[in-house]
Amino acid sequence: RFVPKRMVPLSFPLSKCALWDPVPMGDITGAHITYYRNPRLSLVEKTLRLAYRHAKQNEKKPFSCFLLGTLAVDEDGEGITLTIDRFDPGRQV
């Protein structure tokens, strides 16, 4: 809920049964993407050129845009590959 000039905690309606036990169990585990995997970045040249051209033509500095792609685990299971293959300049509004 949004109340002007005041933050209100998020609450859910009361229920007779819970889907999970909210009490923490076990040791803390790191969830950083490079903790268990070797990351690799692959960027399509056309996407990079489009983003560069858009940045040079843009009058506002800084500006926002989106780089879109896919994240895949390598066949050997030891690494991940982030392939960026699309550029979206976003909306000016």
N, C-alpha and C. Protein backbone atom coordinates (compact mmCIF):
# COMPACT_ATOMS: atom_id res chain seq x y z
N ARG A 1 0.84 -1.19 0.00
CA ARG A 1 0.00 0.00 0.00
C ARG A 1 0.87 1.24 0.00
N PHE A 2 0.43 2.29 -0.66
CA PHE A 2 1.16 3.55 -0.70
C PHE A 2 0.40 4.61 0.08
N VAL A 3 1.06 5.15 1.08
CA VAL A 3 0.50 6.24 1.86
C VAL A 3 1.45 7.41 1.72
N PRO A 4 0.95 8.57 1.28
CA PRO A 4 1.83 9.72 1.06
C PRO A 4 2.67 10.06 2.29
N LYS A 5 3.96 10.30 2.06
CA LYS A 5 4.92 10.74 3.08
C LYS A 5 5.09 9.75 4.22
N ARG A 6 4.70 8.48 4.01
CA ARG A 6 4.87 7.50 5.08
C ARG A 6 4.93 6.10 4.49
N MET A 7 5.90 5.33 4.91
CA MET A 7 6.03 3.95 4.43
C MET A 7 5.22 3.04 5.35
N VAL A 8 4.49 2.11 4.74
CA VAL A 8 3.68 1.16 5.49
C VAL A 8 4.22 -0.23 5.19
N PRO A 9 4.46 -1.06 6.20
CA PRO A 9 4.98 -2.40 5.93
C PRO A 9 3.99 -3.25 5.13
N LEU A 10 4.54 -4.10 4.28
CA LEU A 10 3.73 -4.99 3.48
C LEU A 10 3.18 -6.09 4.37
N SER A 11 1.89 -6.37 4.26
CA SER A 11 1.31 -7.43 5.08
C SER A 11 0.37 -8.26 4.23
N PHE A 12 0.27 -9.53 4.58
CA PHE A 12 -0.61 -10.46 3.88
C PHE A 12 -1.77 -10.82 4.80
N PRO A 13 -2.91 -11.21 4.22
CA PRO A 13 -4.04 -11.60 5.07
C PRO A 13 -3.72 -12.85 5.88
N LEU A 14 -4.34 -12.97 7.03
CA LEU A 14 -4.12 -14.13 7.89
C LEU A 14 -4.59 -15.40 7.19
N SER A 15 -3.89 -16.49 7.48
CA SER A 15 -4.22 -17.77 6.85
C SER A 15 -4.14 -18.87 7.89
N LYS A 16 -4.89 -19.93 7.69
CA LYS A 16 -4.87 -21.04 8.64
C LYS A 16 -3.66 -21.93 8.43
N CYS A 17 -3.10 -21.93 7.24
CA CYS A 17 -1.91 -22.76 7.01
C CYS A 17 -0.87 -21.96 6.22
N ALA A 18 0.40 -22.19 6.49
CA ALA A 18 1.49 -21.52 5.80
C ALA A 18 2.09 -22.45 4.76
N LEU A 19 2.56 -21.87 3.67
CA LEU A 19 3.17 -22.67 2.62
C LEU A 19 4.61 -23.06 2.96
N TRP A 20 5.26 -22.33 3.85
CA TRP A 20 6.62 -22.63 4.26
C TRP A 20 6.84 -22.15 5.68
N ASP A 21 7.89 -22.67 6.29
CA ASP A 21 8.27 -22.28 7.64
C ASP A 21 9.22 -21.08 7.52
N PRO A 22 8.87 -19.91 8.05
CA PRO A 22 9.70 -18.73 7.87
C PRO A 22 10.96 -18.69 8.73
N VAL A 23 11.17 -19.67 9.58
CA VAL A 23 12.34 -19.69 10.46
C VAL A 23 13.57 -20.09 9.65
N PRO A 24 14.68 -19.29 9.70
CA PRO A 24 15.89 -19.65 8.95
C PRO A 24 16.46 -20.98 9.42
N MET A 25 16.97 -21.78 8.47
CA MET A 25 17.56 -23.07 8.80
C MET A 25 18.92 -23.19 8.11
N GLY A 26 19.92 -23.71 8.80
CA GLY A 26 21.22 -23.96 8.19
C GLY A 26 22.11 -22.75 8.15
N ASP A 27 23.27 -22.96 7.51
CA ASP A 27 24.26 -21.90 7.40
C ASP A 27 23.91 -20.93 6.27
N ILE A 28 24.48 -19.73 6.33
CA ILE A 28 24.29 -18.73 5.30
C ILE A 28 25.12 -19.16 4.09
N THR A 29 24.54 -19.07 2.91
CA THR A 29 25.22 -19.44 1.68
C THR A 29 25.29 -18.23 0.77
N GLY A 30 26.45 -18.01 0.16
CA GLY A 30 26.59 -16.91 -0.79
C GLY A 30 25.82 -17.20 -2.06
N ALA A 31 25.18 -16.19 -2.61
CA ALA A 31 24.39 -16.38 -3.82
C ALA A 31 24.93 -15.57 -4.99
N HIS A 32 26.18 -15.13 -4.90
CA HIS A 32 26.76 -14.35 -5.98
C HIS A 32 27.00 -15.26 -7.18
N ILE A 33 26.75 -14.75 -8.36
CA ILE A 33 26.80 -15.57 -9.58
C ILE A 33 28.21 -16.11 -9.85
N THR A 34 29.26 -15.43 -9.42
CA THR A 34 30.62 -15.91 -9.68
C THR A 34 31.16 -16.80 -8.57
N TYR A 35 30.37 -17.06 -7.55
CA TYR A 35 30.84 -17.87 -6.44
C TYR A 35 31.04 -19.32 -6.86
N TYR A 36 30.13 -19.84 -7.67
CA TYR A 36 30.21 -21.24 -8.10
C TYR A 36 30.54 -21.40 -9.58
N ARG A 37 30.43 -20.37 -10.36
CA ARG A 37 30.58 -20.47 -11.82
C ARG A 37 31.62 -19.49 -12.34
N ASN A 38 32.17 -19.80 -13.51
CA ASN A 38 33.07 -18.91 -14.21
C ASN A 38 32.27 -18.16 -15.27
N PRO A 39 32.06 -16.84 -15.10
CA PRO A 39 31.22 -16.12 -16.05
C PRO A 39 31.97 -15.76 -17.33
N ARG A 40 31.21 -15.71 -18.44
CA ARG A 40 31.75 -15.28 -19.72
C ARG A 40 30.70 -14.39 -20.38
N LEU A 41 31.15 -13.27 -20.96
CA LEU A 41 30.26 -12.32 -21.60
C LEU A 41 30.49 -12.37 -23.10
N SER A 42 29.39 -12.49 -23.84
CA SER A 42 29.45 -12.49 -25.30
C SER A 42 28.54 -11.38 -25.79
N LEU A 43 29.07 -10.48 -26.60
CA LEU A 43 28.31 -9.32 -27.07
C LEU A 43 28.34 -9.28 -28.59
N VAL A 44 27.18 -9.24 -29.22
CA VAL A 44 27.08 -9.18 -30.67
C VAL A 44 27.53 -7.79 -31.13
N GLU A 45 28.40 -7.75 -32.14
CA GLU A 45 28.98 -6.48 -32.60
C GLU A 45 27.91 -5.50 -33.07
N LYS A 46 26.89 -5.98 -33.76
CA LYS A 46 25.81 -5.13 -34.25
C LYS A 46 25.11 -4.41 -33.09
N THR A 47 24.91 -5.12 -32.00
CA THR A 47 24.26 -4.54 -30.81
C THR A 47 25.13 -3.44 -30.22
N LEU A 48 26.42 -3.70 -30.13
CA LEU A 48 27.35 -2.70 -29.58
C LEU A 48 27.40 -1.46 -30.46
N ARG A 49 27.43 -1.64 -31.77
CA ARG A 49 27.44 -0.50 -32.69
C ARG A 49 26.15 0.32 -32.58
N LEU A 50 25.02 -0.36 -32.46
CA LEU A 50 23.74 0.34 -32.32
C LEU A 50 23.71 1.17 -31.04
N ALA A 51 24.15 0.59 -29.94
CA ALA A 51 24.18 1.31 -28.66
C ALA A 51 25.13 2.50 -28.72
N TYR A 52 26.28 2.32 -29.37
CA TYR A 52 27.26 3.40 -29.49
C TYR A 52 26.69 4.55 -30.32
N ARG A 53 26.04 4.22 -31.45
CA ARG A 53 25.45 5.24 -32.31
C ARG A 53 24.35 6.00 -31.57
N HIS A 54 23.53 5.27 -30.82
CA HIS A 54 22.45 5.90 -30.06
C HIS A 54 23.03 6.84 -28.99
N ALA A 55 24.10 6.44 -28.33
CA ALA A 55 24.72 7.27 -27.30
C ALA A 55 25.30 8.55 -27.90
N LYS A 56 25.89 8.45 -29.09
CA LYS A 56 26.46 9.64 -29.73
C LYS A 56 25.38 10.61 -30.20
N GLN A 57 24.23 10.08 -30.64
CA GLN A 57 23.16 10.92 -31.15
C GLN A 57 22.29 11.51 -30.04
N ASN A 58 22.36 10.94 -28.86
CA ASN A 58 21.50 11.37 -27.77
C ASN A 58 21.98 12.71 -27.22
N GLU A 59 21.05 13.64 -27.06
CA GLU A 59 21.39 14.96 -26.54
C GLU A 59 21.47 14.98 -25.02
N LYS A 60 20.66 14.12 -24.38
CA LYS A 60 20.68 14.05 -22.92
C LYS A 60 21.89 13.23 -22.48
N LYS A 61 22.58 13.68 -21.49
CA LYS A 61 23.67 12.90 -20.91
C LYS A 61 23.50 12.95 -19.42
N PRO A 62 23.39 11.89 -18.71
CA PRO A 62 23.35 10.50 -19.15
C PRO A 62 21.94 10.12 -19.64
N PHE A 63 21.83 8.98 -20.29
CA PHE A 63 20.56 8.49 -20.78
C PHE A 63 20.42 7.03 -20.37
N SER A 64 19.21 6.49 -20.48
CA SER A 64 19.00 5.10 -20.11
C SER A 64 18.60 4.28 -21.33
N CYS A 65 18.98 3.01 -21.30
CA CYS A 65 18.64 2.09 -22.38
C CYS A 65 18.68 0.67 -21.80
N PHE A 66 18.36 -0.30 -22.64
CA PHE A 66 18.38 -1.70 -22.21
C PHE A 66 19.24 -2.52 -23.14
N LEU A 67 20.05 -3.39 -22.58
CA LEU A 67 20.75 -4.41 -23.34
C LEU A 67 20.12 -5.73 -22.94
N LEU A 68 19.60 -6.48 -23.92
CA LEU A 68 18.87 -7.70 -23.64
C LEU A 68 19.63 -8.91 -24.17
N GLY A 69 19.51 -10.01 -23.47
CA GLY A 69 20.19 -11.21 -23.92
C GLY A 69 19.73 -12.44 -23.18
N THR A 70 20.56 -13.47 -23.23
CA THR A 70 20.25 -14.74 -22.59
C THR A 70 21.38 -15.18 -21.68
N LEU A 71 21.02 -15.90 -20.66
CA LEU A 71 21.98 -16.45 -19.71
C LEU A 71 21.89 -17.96 -19.78
N ALA A 72 23.02 -18.63 -20.02
CA ALA A 72 23.00 -20.08 -20.18
C ALA A 72 24.16 -20.71 -19.41
N VAL A 73 23.91 -21.88 -18.85
CA VAL A 73 24.96 -22.65 -18.18
C VAL A 73 25.69 -23.45 -19.25
N ASP A 74 27.03 -23.46 -19.19
CA ASP A 74 27.83 -24.21 -20.16
C ASP A 74 27.57 -25.70 -20.05
N GLU A 75 27.89 -26.44 -21.11
CA GLU A 75 27.63 -27.88 -21.15
C GLU A 75 28.34 -28.64 -20.04
N ASP A 76 29.55 -28.19 -19.69
CA ASP A 76 30.29 -28.89 -18.64
C ASP A 76 29.80 -28.52 -17.24
N GLY A 77 28.92 -27.53 -17.13
CA GLY A 77 28.36 -27.13 -15.85
C GLY A 77 29.29 -26.28 -15.02
N GLU A 78 30.44 -25.91 -15.55
CA GLU A 78 31.43 -25.14 -14.79
C GLU A 78 31.32 -23.64 -15.00
N GLY A 79 30.69 -23.22 -16.06
CA GLY A 79 30.63 -21.79 -16.35
C GLY A 79 29.26 -21.36 -16.82
N ILE A 80 29.09 -20.04 -16.90
CA ILE A 80 27.86 -19.47 -17.44
C ILE A 80 28.25 -18.48 -18.53
N THR A 81 27.38 -18.33 -19.51
CA THR A 81 27.61 -17.40 -20.59
C THR A 81 26.43 -16.44 -20.70
N LEU A 82 26.73 -15.16 -20.65
CA LEU A 82 25.73 -14.12 -20.85
C LEU A 82 25.93 -13.60 -22.26
N THR A 83 24.94 -13.83 -23.13
CA THR A 83 25.01 -13.40 -24.52
C THR A 83 24.07 -12.22 -24.71
N ILE A 84 24.64 -11.05 -24.98
CA ILE A 84 23.84 -9.84 -25.20
C ILE A 84 23.70 -9.67 -26.70
N ASP A 85 22.44 -9.73 -27.18
CA ASP A 85 22.23 -9.69 -28.62
C ASP A 85 21.18 -8.68 -29.08
N ARG A 86 20.62 -7.91 -28.16
CA ARG A 86 19.60 -6.94 -28.54
C ARG A 86 19.81 -5.64 -27.79
N PHE A 87 19.49 -4.53 -28.45
CA PHE A 87 19.58 -3.20 -27.85
C PHE A 87 18.21 -2.54 -27.94
N ASP A 88 17.74 -1.99 -26.82
CA ASP A 88 16.46 -1.29 -26.77
C ASP A 88 16.72 0.10 -26.18
N PRO A 89 16.53 1.16 -26.96
CA PRO A 89 16.80 2.50 -26.44
C PRO A 89 15.80 2.95 -25.39
N GLY A 90 14.70 2.23 -25.24
CA GLY A 90 13.70 2.61 -24.24
C GLY A 90 12.83 3.73 -24.72
N ARG A 91 12.05 4.24 -23.82
CA ARG A 91 11.13 5.34 -24.15
C ARG A 91 11.67 6.64 -23.58
N GLN A 92 11.39 7.70 -24.26
CA GLN A 92 11.87 9.01 -23.82
C GLN A 92 10.98 9.61 -22.74
N VAL A 93 9.80 9.00 -22.50
CA VAL A 93 8.87 9.52 -21.50
C VAL A 93 9.29 9.06 -20.13
